[in-house]
């Protein structure tokens, strides 16, 4: 009798687990920058509101209950971690859904020069005024960042003082080599 009770309990648990799994689906959020695959993170929220139900890396298959969701994507590959929202994503029970989030950002390379010679160095940029500095980049190496106007500083290798850059115009969706005269 005891064995039969344990067996019935196990069968009931298995049936409940199978029913619960049948109500879920899978969501993959592909993140791109200017149409090319890019690194980022996602948070998935119920469209009706409430806290995130799942978080993960872009491109990862996320297990989720069926329903309608909003997605917050962060392009972590870009210096400024831009955010995009996409709403109304329906995930059906037992189905796999892929949502795409594309960021239009600038791909920039700072070409640091003194006279006719390229100069190696460390650079940092920010929105004009009091905005915080974005992570450092190296002269001659490309980086992604949201389009717009920036100011910056370049410290040539071996130098102790930075050279101010009053204005850098970075265009979203474009690849640019920006000359910086030191």
Protein backbone atom coordinates (compact mmCIF):
# COMPACT_ATOMS: atom_id res chain seq x y z
CA UNK A 1 0.00 0.00 0.00
CA UNK A 2 2.83 2.34 0.90
CA UNK A 3 4.61 1.61 -2.39
CA UNK A 4 1.40 2.26 -4.32
CA UNK A 5 1.01 5.65 -2.59
CA UNK A 6 4.58 6.62 -3.45
CA UNK A 7 4.03 5.50 -7.06
CA UNK A 8 0.79 7.51 -7.35
CA UNK A 9 2.50 10.56 -5.85
CA UNK A 10 5.39 10.25 -8.32
CA UNK A 11 3.01 9.84 -11.26
CA UNK A 12 1.00 12.87 -10.12
CA UNK A 13 4.17 14.96 -9.81
CA UNK A 14 5.33 13.86 -13.29
CA UNK A 15 1.96 14.70 -14.82
CA UNK A 16 1.97 18.12 -13.11
CA UNK A 17 5.53 18.80 -14.33
CA UNK A 18 4.61 17.79 -17.88
CA UNK A 19 1.54 20.05 -17.79
CA UNK A 20 3.62 22.97 -16.48
CA UNK A 21 6.23 22.45 -19.20
CA UNK A 22 3.48 22.43 -21.83
CA UNK A 23 2.52 26.01 -20.89
CA UNK A 24 6.00 27.38 -21.57
CA UNK A 25 7.85 28.39 -24.66
CA UNK A 26 11.29 29.63 -25.58
CA UNK A 27 12.47 33.08 -26.56
CA UNK A 28 15.73 34.05 -28.25
CA UNK A 29 16.59 37.74 -28.63
CA UNK A 30 19.14 38.35 -31.40
CA UNK A 31 21.06 41.59 -30.88
CA UNK A 32 22.72 43.31 -33.82
CA UNK A 33 24.64 46.54 -34.34
CA UNK A 34 24.11 48.03 -37.80
CA UNK A 35 22.76 44.64 -38.91
CA UNK A 36 25.81 42.66 -37.69
CA UNK A 37 25.67 40.25 -34.70
CA UNK A 38 26.77 41.98 -31.49
CA UNK A 39 27.15 41.24 -27.79
CA UNK A 40 24.43 42.35 -25.43
CA UNK A 41 22.12 41.40 -22.60
CA UNK A 42 18.34 41.12 -22.42
CA UNK A 43 15.65 41.39 -19.78
CA UNK A 44 12.16 40.07 -20.47
CA UNK A 45 9.12 41.70 -18.82
CA UNK A 46 5.41 40.82 -18.96
CA UNK A 47 3.69 43.29 -21.31
CA UNK A 48 1.07 43.87 -18.63
CA UNK A 49 3.82 45.20 -16.35
CA UNK A 50 5.84 43.84 -13.49
CA UNK A 51 9.41 42.77 -12.79
CA UNK A 52 11.65 40.96 -15.26
CA UNK A 53 10.80 37.27 -15.54
CA UNK A 54 14.13 36.26 -17.08
CA UNK A 55 17.51 37.79 -17.92
CA UNK A 56 20.27 36.51 -20.16
CA UNK A 57 22.75 37.17 -22.92
CA UNK A 58 21.56 38.10 -26.38
CA UNK A 59 21.23 35.05 -28.63
CA UNK A 60 20.58 32.69 -25.70
CA UNK A 61 17.46 30.53 -25.76
CA UNK A 62 15.44 31.55 -22.68
CA UNK A 63 12.75 29.31 -21.13
CA UNK A 64 9.63 31.36 -20.47
CA UNK A 65 5.91 30.86 -19.79
CA UNK A 66 3.65 31.47 -22.76
CA UNK A 67 2.36 35.03 -22.99
CA UNK A 68 3.11 38.48 -24.36
CA UNK A 69 6.36 40.17 -23.36
CA UNK A 70 8.44 43.31 -23.69
CA UNK A 71 12.20 43.06 -24.08
CA UNK A 72 14.89 45.46 -22.88
CA UNK A 73 18.13 44.93 -24.79
CA UNK A 74 21.48 46.49 -23.87
CA UNK A 75 24.26 46.63 -26.47
CA UNK A 76 27.18 45.85 -24.14
CA UNK A 77 29.61 45.84 -27.08
CA UNK A 78 29.18 49.62 -27.40
CA UNK A 79 31.06 52.00 -25.08
CA UNK A 80 27.89 53.70 -23.84
CA UNK A 81 25.72 50.56 -23.39
CA UNK A 82 22.72 51.89 -25.34
CA UNK A 83 19.29 50.45 -24.50
CA UNK A 84 16.41 49.56 -26.81
CA UNK A 85 12.94 48.32 -25.90
CA UNK A 86 10.81 46.06 -28.03
CA UNK A 87 7.25 45.30 -27.02
CA UNK A 88 4.43 42.93 -27.82
CA UNK A 89 6.43 39.73 -28.38
CA UNK A 90 4.08 36.74 -28.26
CA UNK A 91 5.52 33.44 -27.02
CA UNK A 92 3.27 30.42 -27.60
CA UNK A 93 3.22 27.27 -25.46
CA UNK A 94 5.69 24.69 -26.77
CA UNK A 95 7.03 27.09 -29.41
CA UNK A 96 10.34 28.80 -29.99
CA UNK A 97 10.25 32.53 -30.87
CA UNK A 98 13.11 34.71 -32.11
CA UNK A 99 12.95 38.48 -31.71
CA UNK A 100 15.46 40.84 -33.32
CA UNK A 101 16.75 44.08 -31.80
CA UNK A 102 19.04 46.20 -33.98
CA UNK A 103 21.05 49.17 -32.77
CA UNK A 104 22.19 51.87 -35.16
CA UNK A 105 25.54 52.96 -33.75
CA UNK A 106 28.73 54.48 -35.04
CA UNK A 107 31.84 52.38 -35.55
CA UNK A 108 34.66 54.84 -35.00
CA UNK A 109 38.45 54.75 -35.00
CA UNK A 110 40.40 57.68 -33.61
CA UNK A 111 43.45 58.29 -35.80
CA UNK A 112 45.80 60.24 -33.52
CA UNK A 113 48.47 62.21 -35.37
CA UNK A 114 51.26 64.60 -34.64
CA UNK A 115 52.36 66.15 -37.92
CA UNK A 116 52.44 63.35 -40.52
CA UNK A 117 53.00 60.51 -38.03
CA UNK A 118 50.41 58.33 -36.31
CA UNK A 119 50.75 58.43 -32.53
CA UNK A 120 49.77 55.64 -30.14
CA UNK A 121 47.81 56.64 -27.10
CA UNK A 122 44.83 56.27 -24.82
CA UNK A 123 41.62 58.22 -25.48
CA UNK A 124 38.34 58.80 -23.72
CA UNK A 125 35.14 60.48 -24.85
CA UNK A 126 31.91 61.79 -23.35
CA UNK A 127 28.90 63.88 -24.26
CA UNK A 128 29.80 67.59 -23.93
CA UNK A 129 29.57 69.06 -20.47
CA UNK A 130 29.35 67.04 -17.33
CA UNK A 131 28.48 63.60 -18.69
CA UNK A 132 30.64 60.79 -17.28
CA UNK A 133 33.61 59.59 -19.31
CA UNK A 134 33.03 56.42 -21.29
CA UNK A 135 35.55 53.55 -21.05
CA UNK A 136 38.97 54.28 -22.56
CA UNK A 137 39.86 53.33 -26.12
CA UNK A 138 43.18 53.13 -27.93
CA UNK A 139 44.12 55.34 -30.85
CA UNK A 140 43.88 53.28 -34.04
CA UNK A 141 41.40 50.71 -32.63
CA UNK A 142 37.74 50.75 -33.64
CA UNK A 143 34.89 50.94 -31.15
CA UNK A 144 31.09 51.14 -31.17
CA UNK A 145 29.19 54.06 -29.64
CA UNK A 146 25.84 55.79 -30.14
CA UNK A 147 25.86 58.51 -32.75
CA UNK A 148 26.14 62.11 -31.64
CA UNK A 149 28.51 64.84 -30.59
CA UNK A 150 31.29 64.05 -28.14
CA UNK A 151 34.27 65.75 -26.54
CA UNK A 152 37.38 63.88 -25.55
CA UNK A 153 40.94 63.65 -24.37
CA UNK A 154 43.92 61.81 -25.82
CA UNK A 155 47.00 60.98 -23.80
CA UNK A 156 49.81 59.94 -26.16
CA UNK A 157 51.88 56.99 -24.91
CA UNK A 158 54.68 58.28 -22.71
CA UNK A 159 53.02 61.68 -22.14
CA UNK A 160 51.77 62.91 -18.79
CA UNK A 161 49.22 65.44 -20.03
CA UNK A 162 46.12 64.82 -22.11
CA UNK A 163 45.27 66.79 -25.25
CA UNK A 164 41.65 68.01 -25.30
CA UNK A 165 39.41 67.25 -28.25
CA UNK A 166 36.63 69.82 -28.41
CA UNK A 167 34.29 68.10 -30.84
CA UNK A 168 33.92 64.65 -32.34
CA UNK A 169 30.88 63.99 -34.51
CA UNK A 170 30.05 60.27 -34.63
CA UNK A 171 27.32 59.21 -37.07
CA UNK A 172 24.97 56.35 -36.24
CA UNK A 173 25.15 53.52 -38.76
CA UNK A 174 28.46 54.76 -40.21
CA UNK A 175 32.04 53.55 -40.05
CA UNK A 176 34.39 56.49 -39.52
CA UNK A 177 38.09 57.17 -39.13
CA UNK A 178 38.28 60.42 -37.16
CA UNK A 179 41.52 62.39 -37.41
CA UNK A 180 42.70 63.82 -34.09
CA UNK A 181 45.58 66.31 -34.43
CA UNK A 182 47.85 66.34 -31.40
